[in-house]
Amino acid sequence: MGLSEIKARGEKFVYKKIYKEERKNYGYGVPEKISSEGKQKDISEGKIGKKADDQGVREPEMDIKEEKEKGKAEMGITVHNENACSLSVSSSSPCAVNDDSDAKSESLLPENIKDIISRSDSESKKLLNSLSMNDLYFHLCKIPIFIDKGTKSISIDEGSGKICCMIGAKGLTIEHAEASECWQWKSLPETSSRFPQVAESKEVWFLHIKGQIRTNMLSSKTTYGVYFVYKFAEIISEFHQEPVELWVKLKGQKKGKGPSNYLDPSQPYQDGRGEGWREIEMGEFFIEHGENDKVLCILMQDDNEVKKAGLIVGGIEFRPKEG
């Protein structure tokens, strides 16, 4: 699938809101119910944002102007004088900014935004470079852009203004991924996957999956959670009954959740991304300044007695944590 199609996935569709009538805490506790009144309270207090983006569910295409107008209504922005473009903002979200305040929007954008844009495809560059700072910020809050030949997505968390990044399966190092008898690369509908291709395990007797990112791609003074994004095929072997090791390495230090974790279909806290996608936290790390350190994320299962069939790998996601 070409880069233009990858671009279309990210820039012609908008992710559905993760807050619904019933929300799950994505590994931070039991599911909790949120009423529409409670949701509005979260928005007004700026709490919405520390959530998992849907792996791929999107709404129909809308242009930047329509998208902005919809966002204004959602974020509580009222236009008092259209000609003067005077806005009243009732939300503390960084995405709810005055139309005239390009300078404010520019200060909220990542310092390395130009480098990020330069790593996207030519059509994306043309679109993104044509936007004002305000439109660009709003765009990145709503729609991720794809960089590094479509292997990574970059977006901005609405609640915190921090960078979110996801590495798709094609951007990971999956041992024996090139062997068709071991792994099958599958294309999923654009409505059910953020990236155009995912990897499904077939005749695999051990799992070695690695992803890496440089800390200067993310936001400073931020604690990031690392999440392995996956789902199960219709038929799976019993590998989910065996533990996996989850590690995050930074500056030579090996951290993470360790060896006693399960990709367990019965665990509700791993569910909730939509379209059957699940996640399990691999670990976390803190970025003090704009260092250029390498973060290495590892998932392993070496039990050679159990075949690992039916695991579908979506990618590894890095997103800011609360606090």
Protein backbone atom coordinates (compact mmCIF):
# COMPACT_ATOMS: atom_id res chain seq x y z
CA MET A 1 0.00 0.00 0.00
CA GLY A 2 1.43 3.37 -1.05
CA LEU A 3 2.22 6.38 1.09
CA SER A 4 -0.69 8.32 -0.39
CA GLU A 5 -3.08 5.71 1.01
CA ILE A 6 -1.31 5.81 4.37
CA LYS A 7 -1.70 9.58 4.32
CA ALA A 8 -5.39 9.26 3.54
CA ARG A 9 -5.83 7.05 6.58
CA GLY A 10 -4.45 9.71 8.89
CA GLU A 11 -5.52 12.94 7.25
CA LYS A 12 -8.90 12.22 5.70
CA PHE A 13 -10.45 10.62 8.72
CA VAL A 14 -10.97 11.76 12.29
CA TYR A 15 -10.77 9.43 15.25
CA LYS A 16 -13.95 8.90 17.20
CA LYS A 17 -13.90 10.19 20.75
CA ILE A 18 -12.67 7.66 23.26
CA TYR A 19 -14.99 8.99 25.95
CA LYS A 20 -18.32 7.26 25.53
CA GLU A 21 -21.23 6.46 27.81
CA GLU A 22 -19.07 3.85 29.42
CA ARG A 23 -15.31 4.44 29.61
CA LYS A 24 -12.55 2.05 30.58
CA ASN A 25 -9.38 3.07 32.36
CA TYR A 26 -6.93 1.27 30.03
CA GLY A 27 -5.05 -0.58 32.72
CA TYR A 28 -5.36 1.98 35.53
CA GLY A 29 -8.25 0.32 37.33
CA VAL A 30 -11.67 -1.16 36.82
CA PRO A 31 -13.97 0.25 34.16
CA GLU A 32 -15.91 3.31 35.28
CA LYS A 33 -19.10 4.79 33.92
CA ILE A 34 -19.16 8.39 32.82
CA SER A 35 -22.36 10.32 32.25
CA SER A 36 -22.58 13.11 29.70
CA GLU A 37 -22.61 15.53 32.66
CA GLY A 38 -19.45 13.95 34.06
CA LYS A 39 -17.79 14.11 30.65
CA GLN A 40 -18.51 17.85 30.38
CA LYS A 41 -16.99 18.32 33.84
CA ASP A 42 -13.82 16.50 32.73
CA ILE A 43 -13.60 18.70 29.64
CA SER A 44 -14.02 21.91 31.64
CA GLU A 45 -11.33 20.77 34.09
CA GLY A 46 -8.95 19.82 31.31
CA LYS A 47 -8.81 16.17 32.33
CA ILE A 48 -9.60 14.65 28.99
CA GLY A 49 -6.52 13.68 27.05
CA LYS A 50 -4.71 10.97 28.99
CA LYS A 51 -6.33 8.23 26.98
CA ALA A 52 -5.62 5.70 24.29
CA ASP A 53 -6.49 6.83 20.79
CA ASP A 54 -8.69 4.35 19.01
CA GLN A 55 -6.52 2.01 16.99
CA GLY A 56 -8.43 2.99 13.92
CA VAL A 57 -12.11 3.93 14.09
CA ARG A 58 -12.66 7.15 12.16
CA GLU A 59 -15.48 9.45 11.16
CA PRO A 60 -16.13 10.72 7.63
CA GLU A 61 -13.85 13.21 5.98
CA MET A 62 -14.12 16.89 6.84
CA ASP A 63 -11.96 19.78 5.83
CA ILE A 64 -9.96 21.89 8.26
CA LYS A 65 -12.60 24.64 8.50
CA GLU A 66 -15.45 22.22 9.24
CA GLU A 67 -13.23 20.31 11.62
CA LYS A 68 -12.32 23.52 13.47
CA GLU A 69 -15.95 24.63 13.77
CA LYS A 70 -16.92 21.22 15.14
CA GLY A 71 -14.05 21.38 17.59
CA LYS A 72 -15.06 24.85 18.77
CA ALA A 73 -18.53 23.59 19.64
CA GLU A 74 -17.13 20.53 21.41
CA MET A 75 -14.57 22.51 23.39
CA GLY A 76 -17.05 25.22 24.48
CA ILE A 77 -15.80 28.07 22.28
CA THR A 78 -18.41 30.72 21.50
CA VAL A 79 -18.03 33.28 18.72
CA HIS A 80 -19.43 36.59 20.03
CA ASN A 81 -18.55 38.69 16.98
CA GLU A 82 -17.79 36.86 13.78
CA ASN A 83 -16.26 39.87 12.09
CA ALA A 84 -13.95 40.58 15.00
CA CYS A 85 -13.40 36.86 15.57
CA SER A 86 -13.67 37.44 19.31
CA LEU A 87 -13.87 34.14 21.14
CA SER A 88 -14.91 33.11 24.60
CA VAL A 89 -13.17 29.92 25.68
CA SER A 90 -14.77 27.88 28.43
CA SER A 91 -12.30 24.99 28.27
CA SER A 92 -8.79 24.79 29.71
CA SER A 93 -7.66 22.41 26.95
CA PRO A 94 -4.61 23.70 25.04
CA CYS A 95 -6.53 22.90 21.85
CA ALA A 96 -9.14 25.54 22.61
CA VAL A 97 -7.22 28.63 21.50
CA ASN A 98 -8.14 31.97 20.01
CA ASP A 99 -8.23 32.04 16.21
CA ASP A 100 -6.01 35.13 16.22
CA SER A 101 -3.38 33.72 18.53
CA ASP A 102 -0.95 32.05 16.13
CA ALA A 103 1.84 33.01 18.51
CA LYS A 104 0.16 31.11 21.34
CA SER A 105 -0.41 28.10 19.10
CA GLU A 106 3.21 28.17 17.98
CA SER A 107 4.34 28.13 21.61
CA LEU A 108 2.18 25.04 22.21
CA LEU A 109 3.52 23.16 19.20
CA PRO A 110 6.48 20.81 19.73
CA GLU A 111 9.84 22.53 19.31
CA ASN A 112 10.78 19.91 16.72
CA ILE A 113 7.58 20.24 14.69
CA LYS A 114 9.48 21.26 11.55
CA ASP A 115 11.64 18.14 11.78
CA ILE A 116 8.54 16.00 12.31
CA ILE A 117 6.83 17.47 9.25
CA SER A 118 9.99 17.01 7.16
CA ARG A 119 9.78 13.26 7.84
CA SER A 120 6.28 12.95 6.40
CA ASP A 121 5.52 12.26 2.72
CA SER A 122 5.48 15.06 0.15
CA GLU A 123 1.70 15.47 0.07
CA SER A 124 1.54 15.72 3.86
CA LYS A 125 4.36 18.27 3.88
CA LYS A 126 2.48 20.42 1.38
CA LEU A 127 -0.72 20.32 3.42
CA LEU A 128 0.88 20.85 6.83
CA ASN A 129 3.18 23.65 5.69
CA SER A 130 0.19 25.50 4.23
CA LEU A 131 -1.58 25.69 7.60
CA SER A 132 -1.34 28.54 10.08
CA MET A 133 0.19 27.69 13.46
CA ASN A 134 -3.30 27.65 14.96
CA ASP A 135 -4.70 25.33 12.29
CA LEU A 136 -1.63 23.10 12.49
CA TYR A 137 -1.98 22.68 16.24
CA PHE A 138 -5.69 21.94 15.97
CA HIS A 139 -5.01 19.51 13.12
CA LEU A 140 -2.44 17.54 15.15
CA CYS A 141 -4.81 17.38 18.12
CA LYS A 142 -7.42 15.71 15.92
CA ILE A 143 -5.52 13.83 13.22
CA PRO A 144 -2.11 12.09 13.47
CA ILE A 145 0.48 12.52 10.77
CA PHE A 146 2.58 9.64 9.50
CA ILE A 147 6.36 9.86 9.30
CA ASP A 148 9.35 7.66 8.47
CA LYS A 149 7.74 6.04 5.43
CA GLY A 150 4.45 5.55 7.23
CA THR A 151 5.88 3.46 10.09
CA LYS A 152 5.14 5.98 12.87
CA SER A 153 2.24 8.27 13.72
CA ILE A 154 2.56 11.56 15.61
CA SER A 155 -0.25 13.49 17.27
CA ILE A 156 -0.80 15.90 20.16
CA ASP A 157 -2.68 14.94 23.31
CA GLU A 158 -5.64 17.33 23.63
CA GLY A 159 -5.59 17.52 27.42
CA SER A 160 -1.89 18.14 27.98
CA GLY A 161 -0.53 19.41 24.67
CA LYS A 162 2.15 16.68 24.81
CA ILE A 163 3.33 14.57 21.87
CA CYS A 164 1.93 11.06 21.37
CA CYS A 165 3.73 8.60 19.12
CA MET A 166 2.91 5.12 17.88
CA ILE A 167 5.20 2.76 16.00
CA GLY A 168 3.26 0.48 13.66
CA ALA A 169 4.07 -3.20 13.22
CA LYS A 170 6.17 -2.43 10.11
CA GLY A 171 8.36 -0.17 12.24
CA LEU A 172 9.05 -2.87 14.85
CA THR A 173 11.70 -5.57 14.86
CA ILE A 174 9.76 -8.86 14.93
CA GLU A 175 11.99 -11.91 14.84
CA HIS A 176 11.34 -14.06 11.73
CA ALA A 177 8.74 -11.56 10.48
CA GLU A 178 10.10 -12.05 6.95
CA ALA A 179 9.36 -15.81 7.05
CA SER A 180 5.85 -16.34 5.67
CA GLU A 181 5.45 -19.62 7.53
CA CYS A 182 6.04 -17.76 10.83
CA TRP A 183 4.29 -14.42 10.33
CA GLN A 184 1.65 -13.21 7.93
CA TRP A 185 1.39 -9.53 7.02
CA LYS A 186 -2.26 -8.59 6.71
CA SER A 187 -4.03 -5.50 5.43
CA LEU A 188 -6.98 -4.42 7.56
CA PRO A 189 -9.81 -2.06 6.61
CA GLU A 190 -8.96 1.59 7.17
CA THR A 191 -11.86 1.82 9.61
CA SER A 192 -10.30 -0.75 11.94
CA SER A 193 -6.55 -0.08 11.93
CA ARG A 194 -4.44 3.03 12.26
CA PHE A 195 -1.70 1.51 10.12
CA PRO A 196 -2.39 -0.26 6.81
CA GLN A 197 -0.57 -3.47 7.73
CA VAL A 198 -0.39 -5.61 10.84
CA ALA A 199 1.49 -8.83 11.60
CA GLU A 200 -0.22 -12.09 12.62
CA SER A 201 1.77 -14.96 14.15
CA LYS A 202 1.34 -18.36 12.48
CA GLU A 203 3.93 -21.08 13.22
CA VAL A 204 5.98 -19.27 15.86
CA TRP A 205 7.59 -20.98 18.84
CA PHE A 206 8.93 -17.87 20.56
CA LEU A 207 8.08 -14.17 20.56
CA HIS A 208 10.77 -11.50 20.26
CA ILE A 209 9.30 -8.08 19.44
CA LYS A 210 11.26 -4.84 19.82
CA GLY A 211 10.59 -1.17 19.18
CA GLN A 212 12.75 1.88 19.71
CA ILE A 213 12.39 5.65 19.69
CA ARG A 214 14.58 8.67 20.42
CA THR A 215 13.50 10.79 23.37
CA ASN A 216 13.93 14.02 21.39
CA MET A 217 10.84 13.01 19.38
CA LEU A 218 8.73 13.30 22.54
CA SER A 219 7.90 16.06 25.05
CA SER A 220 10.28 17.20 27.79
CA LYS A 221 9.45 17.04 31.50
CA THR A 222 6.97 14.27 30.83
CA THR A 223 6.41 10.75 32.09
CA TYR A 224 5.52 8.44 29.21
CA GLY A 225 3.70 5.14 29.38
CA VAL A 226 4.64 2.50 26.80
CA TYR A 227 1.87 0.20 25.54
CA PHE A 228 1.95 -2.91 23.37
CA VAL A 229 -1.11 -2.78 21.08
CA TYR A 230 -2.47 -6.12 19.88
CA LYS A 231 -5.54 -8.21 19.19
CA PHE A 232 -6.32 -11.90 18.75
CA ALA A 233 -7.23 -13.77 15.59
CA GLU A 234 -10.41 -15.86 15.57
CA ILE A 235 -8.36 -18.99 16.31
CA ILE A 236 -5.47 -18.76 18.78
CA SER A 237 -3.16 -21.25 20.44
CA GLU A 238 -2.64 -21.45 24.19
CA PHE A 239 0.29 -19.02 24.29
CA HIS A 240 -1.89 -16.51 26.14
CA GLN A 241 -1.77 -18.86 29.15
CA GLU A 242 2.01 -18.41 29.38
CA PRO A 243 3.65 -15.22 30.76
CA VAL A 244 5.45 -12.70 28.58
CA GLU A 245 8.34 -10.45 29.58
CA LEU A 246 7.88 -6.70 29.12
CA TRP A 247 10.88 -4.38 29.35
CA VAL A 248 11.69 -0.74 28.71
CA LYS A 249 15.39 0.19 28.52
CA LEU A 250 16.67 3.76 28.79
CA LYS A 251 20.29 4.85 29.35
CA GLY A 252 21.28 1.26 29.96
CA GLN A 253 18.72 0.81 32.73
CA LYS A 254 16.31 -2.08 32.33
CA LYS A 255 12.87 -1.23 33.66
CA GLY A 256 9.35 -2.29 32.84
CA LYS A 257 6.74 -4.75 34.02
CA GLY A 258 9.12 -7.72 34.05
CA PRO A 259 8.42 -11.39 33.34
CA SER A 260 5.00 -12.10 34.88
CA ASN A 261 2.52 -10.63 32.40
CA TYR A 262 -0.16 -12.26 30.30
CA LEU A 263 -1.75 -11.33 27.00
CA ASP A 264 -4.98 -12.59 28.46
CA PRO A 265 -8.26 -12.31 26.51
CA SER A 266 -10.19 -12.53 29.78
CA GLN A 267 -8.62 -9.38 31.27
CA PRO A 268 -10.97 -6.40 30.77
CA TYR A 269 -8.30 -3.82 31.67
CA GLN A 270 -6.37 -4.74 28.51
CA ASP A 271 -9.43 -4.12 26.35
CA GLY A 272 -11.13 -0.94 25.27
CA ARG A 273 -9.36 0.52 22.23
CA GLY A 274 -12.19 -0.41 19.88
CA GLU A 275 -12.42 -2.86 16.98
CA GLY A 276 -11.06 -5.63 19.21
CA TRP A 277 -7.73 -3.88 19.84
CA ARG A 278 -6.19 -4.30 23.26
CA GLU A 279 -3.14 -2.95 25.06
CA ILE A 280 -0.83 -3.92 27.89
CA GLU A 281 1.52 -1.48 29.57
CA MET A 282 5.17 -2.38 29.04
CA GLY A 283 6.60 0.23 31.42
CA GLU A 284 7.25 3.95 31.70
CA PHE A 285 10.08 6.48 31.57
CA PHE A 286 10.63 10.16 32.31
CA ILE A 287 12.15 12.72 29.94
CA GLU A 288 13.76 15.64 31.78
CA HIS A 289 14.93 17.82 28.91
CA GLY A 290 15.28 17.34 25.16
CA GLU A 291 17.81 14.52 25.41
CA ASN A 292 18.52 12.34 22.40
CA ASP A 293 18.55 9.02 24.23
CA LYS A 294 17.30 5.75 22.79
CA VAL A 295 14.34 4.01 24.41
CA LEU A 296 14.18 0.28 23.67
CA CYS A 297 10.93 -1.62 24.31
CA ILE A 298 10.90 -5.41 24.37
CA LEU A 299 8.24 -8.14 24.50
CA MET A 300 9.48 -11.73 24.83
CA GLN A 301 8.08 -15.21 25.33
CA ASP A 302 10.61 -18.02 25.07
CA ASP A 303 8.54 -21.05 26.06
CA ASN A 304 9.27 -23.31 23.07
CA GLU A 305 6.71 -25.91 24.17
CA VAL A 306 3.75 -23.76 23.19
CA LYS A 307 3.12 -22.53 19.64
CA LYS A 308 2.32 -18.83 19.40
CA ALA A 309 -0.42 -18.62 16.77
CA GLY A 310 -3.12 -15.99 16.43
CA LEU A 311 -1.39 -12.92 17.90
CA ILE A 312 -1.99 -9.80 15.78
CA VAL A 313 0.55 -7.03 16.39
CA GLY A 314 -0.67 -3.46 15.90
CA GLY A 315 2.33 -1.61 17.29
CA ILE A 316 3.82 0.09 20.35
CA GLU A 317 2.42 3.39 21.59
CA PHE A 318 4.06 6.12 23.69
CA ARG A 319 1.70 8.55 25.38
CA PRO A 320 1.93 10.98 28.31
CA LYS A 321 0.69 9.82 31.69
CA GLU A 322 -1.28 11.86 34.20
CA GLY A 323 0.55 13.63 36.97
